[in-house]
């Protein structure tokens, strides 16, 4: 990347531009669509405490965590998204701030758990984001990460890289995240796929995890901080 391309600013701009569209679709995605299994999967592994929703968007996922009994702090790079999130509910158990995933404005070991859905792959150096997540979690804290799978349409955002253009390359593979996490102080607990339409459940059950990940729109991980 040249010095004229600012990854952080470009990501912020893109999500500000998408805020209205995202806000119109987020409730359906979390209630009935591609994200409907995430909160139930997370609450299977984390039942209470303080949780950070990192890349919270308009805050609907954070709101579901709040309804599940968590004290929630949502963070997003987009000022527009944070504004919309703050309008959703007024309660001391839920709040929203603007911030960078690779430089979180939180104290060390201040959360029991964290959730990051379709956000880590938007950072220029995902390792830095993962390290920040580890820093803010208490020992034994759990992290739920949702990473776009190989067949996810939003990966088209990085398409113009094939022409040599400077773009945000949100193309990290699920296996890459798991390998990086296991090399840097996390324990893999469980994974779960959100599959493209047309993939039959009885076919999936016969595959190993690597092949399952290859068919996903999103792969959801639970990691534990060692």
C-alpha atoms as a PDB file:
ATOM      1  CA  UNK A   1       0.000   0.000   0.000  1.00  0.00           C
ATOM      2  CA  UNK A   2       1.304   3.450  -0.858  1.00  0.00           C
ATOM      3  CA  UNK A   3       1.401   6.301   1.627  1.00  0.00           C
ATOM      4  CA  UNK A   4      -1.515   7.974  -0.179  1.00  0.00           C
ATOM      5  CA  UNK A   5      -3.915   5.109   0.586  1.00  0.00           C
ATOM      6  CA  UNK A   6      -5.237   5.264   4.146  1.00  0.00           C
ATOM      7  CA  UNK A   7      -6.834   1.896   4.983  1.00  0.00           C
ATOM      8  CA  UNK A   8      -8.447   3.204   8.189  1.00  0.00           C
ATOM      9  CA  UNK A   9     -10.046   6.210   6.496  1.00  0.00           C
ATOM     10  CA  UNK A  10     -11.239   4.164   3.534  1.00  0.00           C
ATOM     11  CA  UNK A  11     -12.889   1.571   5.821  1.00  0.00           C
ATOM     12  CA  UNK A  12     -14.539   4.339   7.833  1.00  0.00           C
ATOM     13  CA  UNK A  13     -15.824   5.992   4.641  1.00  0.00           C
ATOM     14  CA  UNK A  14     -17.193   2.762   3.230  1.00  0.00           C
ATOM     15  CA  UNK A  15     -19.120   1.923   6.392  1.00  0.00           C
ATOM     16  CA  UNK A  16     -20.431   5.483   6.742  1.00  0.00           C
ATOM     17  CA  UNK A  17     -21.663   5.189   3.153  1.00  0.00           C
ATOM     18  CA  UNK A  18     -23.323   1.852   3.947  1.00  0.00           C
ATOM     19  CA  UNK A  19     -24.928   2.947   7.214  1.00  0.00           C
ATOM     20  CA  UNK A  20     -28.419   3.604   5.864  1.00  0.00           C
ATOM     21  CA  UNK A  21     -28.487   0.413   3.796  1.00  0.00           C
ATOM     22  CA  UNK A  22     -27.140  -1.623   6.719  1.00  0.00           C
ATOM     23  CA  UNK A  23     -29.640  -0.121   9.122  1.00  0.00           C
ATOM     24  CA  UNK A  24     -32.500  -1.124   6.817  1.00  0.00           C
ATOM     25  CA  UNK A  25     -31.381  -4.765   6.744  1.00  0.00           C
ATOM     26  CA  UNK A  26     -29.679  -5.475  10.060  1.00  0.00           C
ATOM     27  CA  UNK A  27     -32.735  -6.474  12.064  1.00  0.00           C
ATOM     28  CA  UNK A  28     -33.794  -9.053   9.486  1.00  0.00           C
ATOM     29  CA  UNK A  29     -30.231 -10.453   9.273  1.00  0.00           C
ATOM     30  CA  UNK A  30     -29.950 -10.865  13.049  1.00  0.00           C
ATOM     31  CA  UNK A  31     -33.503 -12.134  13.613  1.00  0.00           C
ATOM     32  CA  UNK A  32     -34.024 -14.442  10.639  1.00  0.00           C
ATOM     33  CA  UNK A  33     -31.129 -14.188   8.197  1.00  0.00           C
ATOM     34  CA  UNK A  34     -27.424 -14.988   8.010  1.00  0.00           C
ATOM     35  CA  UNK A  35     -26.724 -13.792  11.578  1.00  0.00           C
ATOM     36  CA  UNK A  36     -29.635 -15.434  13.388  1.00  0.00           C
ATOM     37  CA  UNK A  37     -27.529 -18.273  14.858  1.00  0.00           C
ATOM     38  CA  UNK A  38     -24.723 -16.067  16.225  1.00  0.00           C
ATOM     39  CA  UNK A  39     -26.162 -14.879  19.552  1.00  0.00           C
ATOM     40  CA  UNK A  40     -27.528 -18.359  20.441  1.00  0.00           C
ATOM     41  CA  UNK A  41     -24.097 -19.831  19.604  1.00  0.00           C
ATOM     42  CA  UNK A  42     -22.339 -17.214  21.748  1.00  0.00           C
ATOM     43  CA  UNK A  43     -24.680 -17.650  24.727  1.00  0.00           C
ATOM     44  CA  UNK A  44     -24.024 -21.382  24.613  1.00  0.00           C
ATOM     45  CA  UNK A  45     -20.444 -20.530  25.638  1.00  0.00           C
ATOM     46  CA  UNK A  46     -20.875 -17.265  27.587  1.00  0.00           C
ATOM     47  CA  UNK A  47     -23.824 -16.716  29.895  1.00  0.00           C
ATOM     48  CA  UNK A  48     -23.285 -13.360  31.639  1.00  0.00           C
ATOM     49  CA  UNK A  49     -20.955 -10.432  32.294  1.00  0.00           C
ATOM     50  CA  UNK A  50     -19.510  -7.511  30.369  1.00  0.00           C
ATOM     51  CA  UNK A  51     -19.207  -7.991  26.627  1.00  0.00           C
ATOM     52  CA  UNK A  52     -17.722  -5.842  23.873  1.00  0.00           C
ATOM     53  CA  UNK A  53     -19.368  -5.886  20.447  1.00  0.00           C
ATOM     54  CA  UNK A  54     -16.496  -4.903  18.169  1.00  0.00           C
ATOM     55  CA  UNK A  55     -17.712  -3.686  14.800  1.00  0.00           C
ATOM     56  CA  UNK A  56     -21.243  -3.320  16.140  1.00  0.00           C
ATOM     57  CA  UNK A  57     -22.696  -1.502  13.132  1.00  0.00           C
ATOM     58  CA  UNK A  58     -26.072   0.023  13.968  1.00  0.00           C
ATOM     59  CA  UNK A  59     -26.154  -1.885  17.254  1.00  0.00           C
ATOM     60  CA  UNK A  60     -28.900  -4.421  16.649  1.00  0.00           C
ATOM     61  CA  UNK A  61     -26.637  -7.360  17.504  1.00  0.00           C
ATOM     62  CA  UNK A  62     -25.554  -5.485  20.631  1.00  0.00           C
ATOM     63  CA  UNK A  63     -29.218  -4.985  21.501  1.00  0.00           C
ATOM     64  CA  UNK A  64     -29.811  -8.746  21.292  1.00  0.00           C
ATOM     65  CA  UNK A  65     -26.875  -9.309  23.675  1.00  0.00           C
ATOM     66  CA  UNK A  66     -28.360  -6.718  26.014  1.00  0.00           C
ATOM     67  CA  UNK A  67     -31.714  -8.532  25.893  1.00  0.00           C
ATOM     68  CA  UNK A  68     -29.850 -11.760  26.721  1.00  0.00           C
ATOM     69  CA  UNK A  69     -28.665 -10.173  29.979  1.00  0.00           C
ATOM     70  CA  UNK A  70     -25.194  -8.843  29.149  1.00  0.00           C
ATOM     71  CA  UNK A  71     -23.730  -5.449  29.939  1.00  0.00           C
ATOM     72  CA  UNK A  72     -22.774  -4.362  26.429  1.00  0.00           C
ATOM     73  CA  UNK A  73     -20.326  -1.856  25.006  1.00  0.00           C
ATOM     74  CA  UNK A  74     -20.513  -1.575  21.244  1.00  0.00           C
ATOM     75  CA  UNK A  75     -17.740  -0.098  19.125  1.00  0.00           C
ATOM     76  CA  UNK A  76     -17.681   0.794  15.453  1.00  0.00           C
ATOM     77  CA  UNK A  77     -15.360   2.663  13.121  1.00  0.00           C
ATOM     78  CA  UNK A  78     -18.285   4.498  11.510  1.00  0.00           C
ATOM     79  CA  UNK A  79     -19.562   7.586  13.312  1.00  0.00           C
ATOM     80  CA  UNK A  80     -22.873   7.261  11.459  1.00  0.00           C
ATOM     81  CA  UNK A  81     -23.299   3.679  12.673  1.00  0.00           C
ATOM     82  CA  UNK A  82     -22.567   4.683  16.284  1.00  0.00           C
ATOM     83  CA  UNK A  83     -25.106   7.505  16.089  1.00  0.00           C
ATOM     84  CA  UNK A  84     -27.776   5.076  14.921  1.00  0.00           C
ATOM     85  CA  UNK A  85     -26.806   2.556  17.606  1.00  0.00           C
ATOM     86  CA  UNK A  86     -27.094   5.132  20.379  1.00  0.00           C
ATOM     87  CA  UNK A  87     -30.633   5.915  19.241  1.00  0.00           C
ATOM     88  CA  UNK A  88     -31.740   2.294  19.644  1.00  0.00           C
ATOM     89  CA  UNK A  89     -32.006   2.005  23.433  1.00  0.00           C
ATOM     90  CA  UNK A  90     -31.319   4.156  26.488  1.00  0.00           C
ATOM     91  CA  UNK A  91     -30.082   2.047  29.389  1.00  0.00           C
ATOM     92  CA  UNK A  92     -26.917   2.077  31.488  1.00  0.00           C
ATOM     93  CA  UNK A  93     -26.294  -1.574  30.575  1.00  0.00           C
ATOM     94  CA  UNK A  94     -25.624  -0.719  26.917  1.00  0.00           C
ATOM     95  CA  UNK A  95     -23.485   1.986  25.325  1.00  0.00           C
ATOM     96  CA  UNK A  96     -21.725   2.702  22.039  1.00  0.00           C
ATOM     97  CA  UNK A  97     -18.458   4.416  21.116  1.00  0.00           C
ATOM     98  CA  UNK A  98     -16.571   5.149  17.917  1.00  0.00           C
ATOM     99  CA  UNK A  99     -13.163   3.506  17.723  1.00  0.00           C
ATOM    100  CA  UNK A 100     -10.578   1.461  15.865  1.00  0.00           C
ATOM    101  CA  UNK A 101     -10.449  -2.309  16.268  1.00  0.00           C
ATOM    102  CA  UNK A 102      -6.634  -2.215  16.244  1.00  0.00           C
ATOM    103  CA  UNK A 103      -6.457   0.461  18.991  1.00  0.00           C
ATOM    104  CA  UNK A 104      -9.370  -0.183  21.312  1.00  0.00           C
ATOM    105  CA  UNK A 105     -10.224   2.591  23.816  1.00  0.00           C
ATOM    106  CA  UNK A 106     -10.689   0.143  26.693  1.00  0.00           C
ATOM    107  CA  UNK A 107      -8.584  -0.832  29.705  1.00  0.00           C
ATOM    108  CA  UNK A 108      -6.739  -4.141  29.951  1.00  0.00           C
ATOM    109  CA  UNK A 109      -8.839  -7.126  31.057  1.00  0.00           C
ATOM    110  CA  UNK A 110     -12.033  -5.088  31.285  1.00  0.00           C
ATOM    111  CA  UNK A 111     -14.428  -7.531  29.540  1.00  0.00           C
ATOM    112  CA  UNK A 112     -15.584 -11.079  30.183  1.00  0.00           C
ATOM    113  CA  UNK A 113     -16.270 -11.695  26.496  1.00  0.00           C
ATOM    114  CA  UNK A 114     -16.212 -10.052  23.085  1.00  0.00           C
ATOM    115  CA  UNK A 115     -17.986 -10.469  19.775  1.00  0.00           C
ATOM    116  CA  UNK A 116     -16.578  -9.374  16.397  1.00  0.00           C
ATOM    117  CA  UNK A 117     -18.757 -10.156  13.374  1.00  0.00           C
ATOM    118  CA  UNK A 118     -17.480  -9.267   9.892  1.00  0.00           C
ATOM    119  CA  UNK A 119     -15.083  -6.712  11.339  1.00  0.00           C
ATOM    120  CA  UNK A 120     -11.644  -8.244  11.902  1.00  0.00           C
ATOM    121  CA  UNK A 121     -11.104  -8.856   8.181  1.00  0.00           C
ATOM    122  CA  UNK A 122     -11.657  -5.138   7.519  1.00  0.00           C
ATOM    123  CA  UNK A 123      -8.488  -4.221   9.417  1.00  0.00           C
ATOM    124  CA  UNK A 124      -5.209  -3.664   7.587  1.00  0.00           C
ATOM    125  CA  UNK A 125      -3.357  -6.026   9.958  1.00  0.00           C
ATOM    126  CA  UNK A 126      -5.840  -8.487  11.511  1.00  0.00           C
ATOM    127  CA  UNK A 127      -3.186  -9.687  13.957  1.00  0.00           C
ATOM    128  CA  UNK A 128      -3.244  -6.255  15.637  1.00  0.00           C
ATOM    129  CA  UNK A 129      -6.997  -6.452  16.044  1.00  0.00           C
ATOM    130  CA  UNK A 130      -6.823  -9.931  17.511  1.00  0.00           C
ATOM    131  CA  UNK A 131      -4.125  -8.828  19.960  1.00  0.00           C
ATOM    132  CA  UNK A 132      -6.280  -5.891  21.075  1.00  0.00           C
ATOM    133  CA  UNK A 133      -9.175  -8.253  21.684  1.00  0.00           C
ATOM    134  CA  UNK A 134      -6.923 -10.421  23.796  1.00  0.00           C
ATOM    135  CA  UNK A 135      -5.718  -7.384  25.759  1.00  0.00           C
ATOM    136  CA  UNK A 136      -9.209  -6.251  26.795  1.00  0.00           C
ATOM    137  CA  UNK A 137     -10.417  -9.731  27.801  1.00  0.00           C
ATOM    138  CA  UNK A 138      -9.961 -11.204  31.241  1.00  0.00           C
ATOM    139  CA  UNK A 139      -7.984 -14.484  31.466  1.00  0.00           C
ATOM    140  CA  UNK A 140     -10.310 -17.231  30.304  1.00  0.00           C
ATOM    141  CA  UNK A 141     -12.477 -14.692  28.487  1.00  0.00           C
ATOM    142  CA  UNK A 142     -14.216 -15.886  25.358  1.00  0.00           C
ATOM    143  CA  UNK A 143     -14.276 -14.337  21.923  1.00  0.00           C
ATOM    144  CA  UNK A 144     -16.887 -14.955  19.236  1.00  0.00           C
ATOM    145  CA  UNK A 145     -15.623 -14.043  15.762  1.00  0.00           C
ATOM    146  CA  UNK A 146     -17.681 -14.240  12.597  1.00  0.00           C
ATOM    147  CA  UNK A 147     -15.477 -14.258   9.508  1.00  0.00           C
ATOM    148  CA  UNK A 148     -16.729 -14.074   5.936  1.00  0.00           C
ATOM    149  CA  UNK A 149     -16.406 -17.439   4.234  1.00  0.00           C
ATOM    150  CA  UNK A 150     -14.846 -18.047   0.811  1.00  0.00           C
ATOM    151  CA  UNK A 151     -18.223 -17.893  -0.971  1.00  0.00           C
ATOM    152  CA  UNK A 152     -19.433 -14.651   0.654  1.00  0.00           C
ATOM    153  CA  UNK A 153     -20.511 -11.986  -1.824  1.00  0.00           C
ATOM    154  CA  UNK A 154     -19.125  -9.054   0.269  1.00  0.00           C
ATOM    155  CA  UNK A 155     -15.647 -10.235  -0.670  1.00  0.00           C
ATOM    156  CA  UNK A 156     -16.241  -8.439  -3.968  1.00  0.00           C
ATOM    157  CA  UNK A 157     -15.139  -5.276  -2.155  1.00  0.00           C
ATOM    158  CA  UNK A 158     -11.543  -6.387  -2.678  1.00  0.00           C
ATOM    159  CA  UNK A 159     -11.997  -7.463  -6.301  1.00  0.00           C
ATOM    160  CA  UNK A 160     -10.207  -4.479  -7.870  1.00  0.00           C
ATOM    161  CA  UNK A 161      -6.927  -5.609  -6.267  1.00  0.00           C
ATOM    162  CA  UNK A 162      -6.497  -7.936  -9.259  1.00  0.00           C
ATOM    163  CA  UNK A 163      -5.901  -4.816 -11.388  1.00  0.00           C
ATOM    164  CA  UNK A 164      -3.320  -3.506  -8.942  1.00  0.00           C
ATOM    165  CA  UNK A 165      -5.676  -0.970  -7.388  1.00  0.00           C
ATOM    166  CA  UNK A 166      -5.315  -0.110  -3.726  1.00  0.00           C
ATOM    167  CA  UNK A 167      -8.385  -1.433  -1.957  1.00  0.00           C
ATOM    168  CA  UNK A 168      -9.365  -2.925   1.384  1.00  0.00           C
ATOM    169  CA  UNK A 169      -8.567  -6.602   0.988  1.00  0.00           C
ATOM    170  CA  UNK A 170     -11.177  -8.291   3.216  1.00  0.00           C
ATOM    171  CA  UNK A 171     -10.206 -11.769   2.096  1.00  0.00           C
ATOM    172  CA  UNK A 172      -8.819 -13.529   5.181  1.00  0.00           C
ATOM    173  CA  UNK A 173      -9.769 -17.203   5.142  1.00  0.00           C
ATOM    174  CA  UNK A 174     -11.362 -18.906   8.181  1.00  0.00           C
ATOM    175  CA  UNK A 175      -8.468 -21.367   8.437  1.00  0.00           C
ATOM    176  CA  UNK A 176      -6.032 -18.430   8.504  1.00  0.00           C
ATOM    177  CA  UNK A 177      -7.802 -16.859  11.467  1.00  0.00           C
ATOM    178  CA  UNK A 178      -7.840 -20.121  13.388  1.00  0.00           C
ATOM    179  CA  UNK A 179      -4.139 -20.715  12.725  1.00  0.00           C
ATOM    180  CA  UNK A 180      -3.231 -17.162  13.770  1.00  0.00           C
ATOM    181  CA  UNK A 181      -5.318 -17.420  16.943  1.00  0.00           C
ATOM    182  CA  UNK A 182      -3.801 -20.726  17.990  1.00  0.00           C
ATOM    183  CA  UNK A 183      -0.297 -19.334  17.411  1.00  0.00           C
ATOM    184  CA  UNK A 184      -0.927 -16.210  19.507  1.00  0.00           C
ATOM    185  CA  UNK A 185      -2.405 -17.281  22.828  1.00  0.00           C
ATOM    186  CA  UNK A 186      -5.929 -18.447  22.100  1.00  0.00           C
ATOM    187  CA  UNK A 187      -7.584 -21.843  22.480  1.00  0.00           C
ATOM    188  CA  UNK A 188     -10.051 -22.867  19.780  1.00  0.00           C
ATOM    189  CA  UNK A 189     -13.284 -23.973  21.471  1.00  0.00           C
ATOM    190  CA  UNK A 190     -15.833 -24.534  18.716  1.00  0.00           C
ATOM    191  CA  UNK A 191     -16.794 -23.443  15.218  1.00  0.00           C
ATOM    192  CA  UNK A 192     -20.034 -23.264  13.309  1.00  0.00           C
ATOM    193  CA  UNK A 193     -20.875 -22.459   9.701  1.00  0.00           C
ATOM    194  CA  UNK A 194     -23.467 -20.270   8.021  1.00  0.00           C
ATOM    195  CA  UNK A 195     -23.844 -21.899   4.628  1.00  0.00           C
ATOM    196  CA  UNK A 196     -24.743 -20.653   1.200  1.00  0.00           C
ATOM    197  CA  UNK A 197     -28.287 -21.378   0.081  1.00  0.00           C
ATOM    198  CA  UNK A 198     -28.551 -24.748  -1.599  1.00  0.00           C
ATOM    199  CA  UNK A 199     -26.085 -26.567   0.660  1.00  0.00           C
ATOM    200  CA  UNK A 200     -27.967 -29.457   2.232  1.00  0.00           C
ATOM    201  CA  UNK A 201     -27.487 -30.249   5.934  1.00  0.00           C
ATOM    202  CA  UNK A 202     -27.147 -34.000   5.382  1.00  0.00           C
ATOM    203  CA  UNK A 203     -24.316 -33.388   2.905  1.00  0.00           C
ATOM    204  CA  UNK A 204     -22.486 -31.037   5.292  1.00  0.00           C
ATOM    205  CA  UNK A 205     -22.481 -33.566   8.124  1.00  0.00           C
ATOM    206  CA  UNK A 206     -20.313 -35.933   6.097  1.00  0.00           C
ATOM    207  CA  UNK A 207     -17.532 -33.394   5.469  1.00  0.00           C
ATOM    208  CA  UNK A 208     -14.482 -32.546   7.551  1.00  0.00           C
ATOM    209  CA  UNK A 209     -14.206 -29.030   8.967  1.00  0.00           C
ATOM    210  CA  UNK A 210     -11.899 -27.703   6.254  1.00  0.00           C
ATOM    211  CA  UNK A 211     -14.392 -28.660   3.541  1.00  0.00           C
ATOM    212  CA  UNK A 212     -17.298 -27.295   5.579  1.00  0.00           C
ATOM    213  CA  UNK A 213     -15.532 -23.921   5.812  1.00  0.00           C
ATOM    214  CA  UNK A 214     -15.043 -23.885   2.045  1.00  0.00           C
ATOM    215  CA  UNK A 215     -18.832 -23.826   1.546  1.00  0.00           C
ATOM    216  CA  UNK A 216     -19.644 -21.073   3.993  1.00  0.00           C
ATOM    217  CA  UNK A 217     -20.957 -17.569   3.732  1.00  0.00           C
ATOM    218  CA  UNK A 218     -19.594 -17.093   7.257  1.00  0.00           C
ATOM    219  CA  UNK A 219     -17.726 -19.185   9.799  1.00  0.00           C
ATOM    220  CA  UNK A 220     -18.323 -18.424  13.478  1.00  0.00           C
ATOM    221  CA  UNK A 221     -15.549 -19.183  15.961  1.00  0.00           C
ATOM    222  CA  UNK A 222     -15.388 -19.343  19.725  1.00  0.00           C
ATOM    223  CA  UNK A 223     -11.884 -18.797  21.098  1.00  0.00           C
ATOM    224  CA  UNK A 224     -10.769 -18.640  24.725  1.00  0.00           C
ATOM    225  CA  UNK A 225      -7.948 -16.453  25.992  1.00  0.00           C
ATOM    226  CA  UNK A 226      -5.300 -18.613  27.640  1.00  0.00           C
END
